[in-house]
Amino acid sequence: MSDKQNPEEFYSKLKAQLHDTSSWPSIYLYKFIIVSSAKKIKQLEAIFDNMGAVIKTKESSNGKYTSLSINVSMKDPDSVIEKYKEVSENIEGVISL
């Protein structure tokens, strides 16, 4: 999401795209980039804890950032969006892709 875009507008468009492109429940792939910090990585992993999520991490070549790819079964587009909101509200500086 760009800084100039209204978050509610962004989530509304995302919801429509998710409805149009997937049948639910579905496996959804979240991708995030955060500053390499064990605390932030654990915070992000905790948000998807007990959901059966498969989480892969990869550190950037200079070690400054870590990307996380999270595959998890979600029941509907609203639950996908709620997780995005939970991540952005709880982890400072996270980039959602």
N, C-alpha and C. Protein backbone atom coordinates (compact mmCIF):
# COMPACT_ATOMS: atom_id res chain seq x y z
N MET A 1 0.85 -1.17 0.00
CA MET A 1 0.00 0.00 0.00
C MET A 1 0.89 1.23 0.00
N SER A 2 0.62 2.17 -0.85
CA SER A 2 1.42 3.39 -0.89
C SER A 2 0.97 4.33 0.22
N ASP A 3 1.87 5.21 0.63
CA ASP A 3 1.56 6.16 1.69
C ASP A 3 0.44 7.11 1.30
N LYS A 4 0.29 7.37 -0.01
CA LYS A 4 -0.69 8.33 -0.48
C LYS A 4 -2.09 7.74 -0.58
N GLN A 5 -2.20 6.43 -0.52
CA GLN A 5 -3.49 5.77 -0.71
C GLN A 5 -4.23 5.66 0.63
N ASN A 6 -5.52 5.91 0.59
CA ASN A 6 -6.36 5.77 1.76
C ASN A 6 -6.43 4.28 2.13
N PRO A 7 -6.10 3.93 3.38
CA PRO A 7 -6.10 2.51 3.78
C PRO A 7 -7.44 1.81 3.54
N GLU A 8 -8.54 2.48 3.86
CA GLU A 8 -9.85 1.84 3.67
C GLU A 8 -10.14 1.60 2.19
N GLU A 9 -9.72 2.52 1.34
CA GLU A 9 -9.88 2.35 -0.10
C GLU A 9 -9.04 1.17 -0.58
N PHE A 10 -7.82 1.09 -0.08
CA PHE A 10 -6.93 -0.02 -0.44
C PHE A 10 -7.55 -1.36 -0.03
N TYR A 11 -8.03 -1.45 1.21
CA TYR A 11 -8.59 -2.71 1.69
C TYR A 11 -9.89 -3.06 0.96
N SER A 12 -10.65 -2.08 0.58
CA SER A 12 -11.87 -2.33 -0.19
C SER A 12 -11.54 -2.94 -1.55
N LYS A 13 -10.53 -2.38 -2.23
CA LYS A 13 -10.11 -2.92 -3.53
C LYS A 13 -9.53 -4.32 -3.36
N LEU A 14 -8.74 -4.52 -2.30
CA LEU A 14 -8.15 -5.84 -2.04
C LEU A 14 -9.25 -6.88 -1.81
N LYS A 15 -10.26 -6.52 -1.04
CA LYS A 15 -11.36 -7.43 -0.76
C LYS A 15 -12.06 -7.85 -2.06
N ALA A 16 -12.31 -6.89 -2.93
CA ALA A 16 -12.96 -7.20 -4.21
C ALA A 16 -12.08 -8.12 -5.05
N GLN A 17 -10.78 -7.85 -5.09
CA GLN A 17 -9.86 -8.70 -5.85
C GLN A 17 -9.83 -10.12 -5.28
N LEU A 18 -9.81 -10.23 -3.97
CA LEU A 18 -9.77 -11.56 -3.34
C LEU A 18 -11.05 -12.34 -3.64
N HIS A 19 -12.19 -11.65 -3.61
CA HIS A 19 -13.46 -12.31 -3.95
C HIS A 19 -13.44 -12.81 -5.40
N ASP A 20 -12.87 -12.01 -6.30
CA ASP A 20 -12.87 -12.33 -7.73
C ASP A 20 -11.86 -13.41 -8.12
N THR A 21 -10.77 -13.54 -7.36
CA THR A 21 -9.67 -14.40 -7.81
C THR A 21 -9.52 -15.70 -7.04
N SER A 22 -10.25 -15.89 -5.95
CA SER A 22 -10.08 -17.10 -5.14
C SER A 22 -11.43 -17.63 -4.69
N SER A 23 -11.45 -18.93 -4.41
CA SER A 23 -12.62 -19.51 -3.76
C SER A 23 -12.22 -19.74 -2.31
N TRP A 24 -13.16 -19.50 -1.42
CA TRP A 24 -12.84 -19.51 0.01
C TRP A 24 -13.53 -20.65 0.72
N PRO A 25 -12.88 -21.23 1.75
CA PRO A 25 -11.57 -20.91 2.32
C PRO A 25 -10.44 -21.23 1.33
N SER A 26 -9.30 -20.55 1.52
CA SER A 26 -8.19 -20.67 0.60
C SER A 26 -6.86 -20.46 1.32
N ILE A 27 -5.79 -21.02 0.74
CA ILE A 27 -4.45 -20.74 1.25
C ILE A 27 -4.05 -19.37 0.71
N TYR A 28 -3.64 -18.49 1.61
CA TYR A 28 -3.24 -17.14 1.22
C TYR A 28 -1.77 -16.94 1.55
N LEU A 29 -1.06 -16.26 0.66
CA LEU A 29 0.36 -15.97 0.87
C LEU A 29 0.53 -14.51 1.25
N TYR A 30 0.94 -14.30 2.50
CA TYR A 30 1.29 -12.96 2.98
C TYR A 30 2.79 -12.78 2.77
N LYS A 31 3.19 -11.57 2.40
CA LYS A 31 4.61 -11.24 2.31
C LYS A 31 4.85 -9.92 3.03
N PHE A 32 5.84 -9.94 3.91
CA PHE A 32 6.19 -8.76 4.68
C PHE A 32 7.69 -8.56 4.67
N ILE A 33 8.10 -7.30 4.81
CA ILE A 33 9.51 -6.98 4.99
C ILE A 33 9.61 -6.13 6.25
N ILE A 34 10.54 -6.51 7.12
CA ILE A 34 10.76 -5.76 8.36
C ILE A 34 12.26 -5.59 8.59
N VAL A 35 12.60 -4.62 9.42
CA VAL A 35 13.99 -4.46 9.84
C VAL A 35 14.38 -5.74 10.57
N SER A 36 15.56 -6.25 10.29
CA SER A 36 16.00 -7.50 10.94
C SER A 36 16.13 -7.28 12.44
N SER A 37 15.19 -7.81 13.15
CA SER A 37 15.12 -7.71 14.61
C SER A 37 14.42 -8.97 15.10
N ALA A 38 15.09 -9.71 15.97
CA ALA A 38 14.48 -10.94 16.49
C ALA A 38 13.14 -10.64 17.15
N LYS A 39 13.04 -9.51 17.84
CA LYS A 39 11.79 -9.14 18.52
C LYS A 39 10.66 -8.94 17.51
N LYS A 40 10.93 -8.20 16.42
CA LYS A 40 9.89 -7.94 15.43
C LYS A 40 9.49 -9.22 14.69
N ILE A 41 10.47 -10.06 14.39
CA ILE A 41 10.16 -11.33 13.72
C ILE A 41 9.26 -12.18 14.61
N LYS A 42 9.57 -12.25 15.90
CA LYS A 42 8.74 -13.03 16.83
C LYS A 42 7.34 -12.43 16.95
N GLN A 43 7.25 -11.09 16.95
CA GLN A 43 5.93 -10.44 17.01
C GLN A 43 5.09 -10.83 15.79
N LEU A 44 5.72 -10.80 14.63
CA LEU A 44 5.01 -11.14 13.40
C LEU A 44 4.59 -12.61 13.40
N GLU A 45 5.50 -13.48 13.81
CA GLU A 45 5.17 -14.91 13.87
C GLU A 45 4.05 -15.16 14.86
N ALA A 46 4.02 -14.42 15.97
CA ALA A 46 2.99 -14.62 17.00
C ALA A 46 1.59 -14.29 16.47
N ILE A 47 1.51 -13.34 15.55
CA ILE A 47 0.20 -12.97 14.99
C ILE A 47 -0.41 -14.14 14.21
N PHE A 48 0.44 -14.99 13.65
CA PHE A 48 -0.04 -16.15 12.87
C PHE A 48 0.09 -17.45 13.65
N ASP A 49 0.38 -17.37 14.94
CA ASP A 49 0.55 -18.55 15.78
C ASP A 49 -0.77 -19.32 15.89
N ASN A 50 -0.67 -20.63 16.00
CA ASN A 50 -1.83 -21.52 16.16
C ASN A 50 -2.81 -21.47 14.99
N MET A 51 -2.31 -21.11 13.81
CA MET A 51 -3.16 -21.09 12.63
C MET A 51 -2.70 -22.11 11.59
N GLY A 52 -1.64 -22.84 11.90
CA GLY A 52 -1.09 -23.78 10.94
C GLY A 52 -0.31 -23.10 9.82
N ALA A 53 0.17 -21.90 10.08
CA ALA A 53 0.90 -21.13 9.07
C ALA A 53 2.28 -21.71 8.83
N VAL A 54 2.70 -21.67 7.56
CA VAL A 54 4.06 -22.05 7.17
C VAL A 54 4.80 -20.74 6.92
N ILE A 55 5.81 -20.47 7.75
CA ILE A 55 6.51 -19.20 7.70
C ILE A 55 7.94 -19.41 7.24
N LYS A 56 8.33 -18.68 6.19
CA LYS A 56 9.70 -18.74 5.70
C LYS A 56 10.30 -17.35 5.83
N THR A 57 11.52 -17.30 6.34
CA THR A 57 12.20 -16.02 6.47
C THR A 57 13.45 -16.01 5.61
N LYS A 58 13.79 -14.83 5.13
CA LYS A 58 15.01 -14.67 4.34
C LYS A 58 15.59 -13.30 4.65
N GLU A 59 16.85 -13.29 5.08
CA GLU A 59 17.52 -12.04 5.40
C GLU A 59 18.09 -11.43 4.13
N SER A 60 18.08 -10.09 4.06
CA SER A 60 18.66 -9.41 2.91
C SER A 60 20.17 -9.64 2.88
N SER A 61 20.79 -9.36 1.74
CA SER A 61 22.21 -9.63 1.59
C SER A 61 23.07 -8.85 2.59
N ASN A 62 22.62 -7.66 2.98
CA ASN A 62 23.39 -6.90 3.96
C ASN A 62 22.92 -7.14 5.40
N GLY A 63 21.87 -7.95 5.55
CA GLY A 63 21.38 -8.33 6.88
C GLY A 63 20.52 -7.28 7.56
N LYS A 64 20.24 -6.18 6.87
CA LYS A 64 19.47 -5.09 7.48
C LYS A 64 17.97 -5.40 7.55
N TYR A 65 17.46 -6.14 6.57
CA TYR A 65 16.03 -6.45 6.50
C TYR A 65 15.80 -7.95 6.42
N THR A 66 14.60 -8.35 6.83
CA THR A 66 14.19 -9.74 6.72
C THR A 66 12.83 -9.78 6.03
N SER A 67 12.70 -10.67 5.03
CA SER A 67 11.40 -10.86 4.40
C SER A 67 10.77 -12.12 4.99
N LEU A 68 9.49 -12.07 5.18
CA LEU A 68 8.74 -13.21 5.69
C LEU A 68 7.64 -13.55 4.71
N SER A 69 7.58 -14.80 4.30
CA SER A 69 6.50 -15.32 3.46
C SER A 69 5.69 -16.26 4.34
N ILE A 70 4.40 -16.01 4.42
CA ILE A 70 3.54 -16.76 5.32
C ILE A 70 2.39 -17.36 4.53
N ASN A 71 2.36 -18.68 4.44
CA ASN A 71 1.24 -19.39 3.80
C ASN A 71 0.32 -19.87 4.90
N VAL A 72 -0.94 -19.50 4.80
CA VAL A 72 -1.89 -19.88 5.84
C VAL A 72 -3.30 -19.98 5.24
N SER A 73 -4.07 -20.92 5.75
CA SER A 73 -5.45 -21.08 5.30
C SER A 73 -6.31 -20.01 5.95
N MET A 74 -7.02 -19.26 5.10
CA MET A 74 -7.90 -18.20 5.58
C MET A 74 -9.31 -18.50 5.12
N LYS A 75 -10.30 -18.12 5.96
CA LYS A 75 -11.69 -18.50 5.65
C LYS A 75 -12.35 -17.61 4.61
N ASP A 76 -11.95 -16.31 4.55
CA ASP A 76 -12.57 -15.40 3.60
C ASP A 76 -11.73 -14.13 3.46
N PRO A 77 -12.06 -13.28 2.49
CA PRO A 77 -11.29 -12.05 2.30
C PRO A 77 -11.25 -11.15 3.54
N ASP A 78 -12.34 -11.10 4.29
CA ASP A 78 -12.36 -10.27 5.50
C ASP A 78 -11.30 -10.72 6.51
N SER A 79 -11.11 -12.03 6.65
CA SER A 79 -10.11 -12.52 7.60
C SER A 79 -8.70 -12.21 7.12
N VAL A 80 -8.49 -12.21 5.80
CA VAL A 80 -7.20 -11.83 5.23
C VAL A 80 -6.89 -10.38 5.58
N ILE A 81 -7.84 -9.51 5.38
CA ILE A 81 -7.67 -8.08 5.64
C ILE A 81 -7.47 -7.82 7.13
N GLU A 82 -8.19 -8.53 7.98
CA GLU A 82 -8.03 -8.35 9.43
C GLU A 82 -6.59 -8.66 9.86
N LYS A 83 -5.98 -9.67 9.26
CA LYS A 83 -4.58 -9.99 9.60
C LYS A 83 -3.65 -8.88 9.15
N TYR A 84 -3.87 -8.34 7.95
CA TYR A 84 -3.05 -7.21 7.49
C TYR A 84 -3.15 -6.05 8.48
N LYS A 85 -4.37 -5.74 8.92
CA LYS A 85 -4.57 -4.65 9.86
C LYS A 85 -3.90 -4.94 11.19
N GLU A 86 -4.01 -6.17 11.67
CA GLU A 86 -3.39 -6.56 12.94
C GLU A 86 -1.87 -6.39 12.87
N VAL A 87 -1.28 -6.80 11.75
CA VAL A 87 0.17 -6.66 11.58
C VAL A 87 0.55 -5.18 11.57
N SER A 88 -0.15 -4.37 10.78
CA SER A 88 0.23 -2.95 10.67
C SER A 88 0.02 -2.20 11.98
N GLU A 89 -0.95 -2.61 12.79
CA GLU A 89 -1.21 -1.95 14.06
C GLU A 89 -0.21 -2.35 15.15
N ASN A 90 0.38 -3.53 15.03
CA ASN A 90 1.22 -4.05 16.10
C ASN A 90 2.72 -4.03 15.83
N ILE A 91 3.10 -3.88 14.58
CA ILE A 91 4.53 -3.93 14.24
C ILE A 91 4.91 -2.67 13.48
N GLU A 92 5.71 -1.85 14.12
CA GLU A 92 6.13 -0.59 13.54
C GLU A 92 7.09 -0.81 12.37
N GLY A 93 6.84 -0.11 11.28
CA GLY A 93 7.75 -0.13 10.15
C GLY A 93 7.63 -1.32 9.23
N VAL A 94 6.59 -2.14 9.40
CA VAL A 94 6.43 -3.31 8.53
C VAL A 94 5.97 -2.87 7.14
N ILE A 95 6.49 -3.53 6.13
CA ILE A 95 6.07 -3.29 4.75
C ILE A 95 5.30 -4.52 4.29
N SER A 96 4.06 -4.31 3.87
CA SER A 96 3.23 -5.40 3.36
C SER A 96 3.32 -5.40 1.85
N LEU A 97 3.57 -6.57 1.28
CA LEU A 97 3.66 -6.68 -0.18
C LEU A 97 2.44 -7.39 -0.72
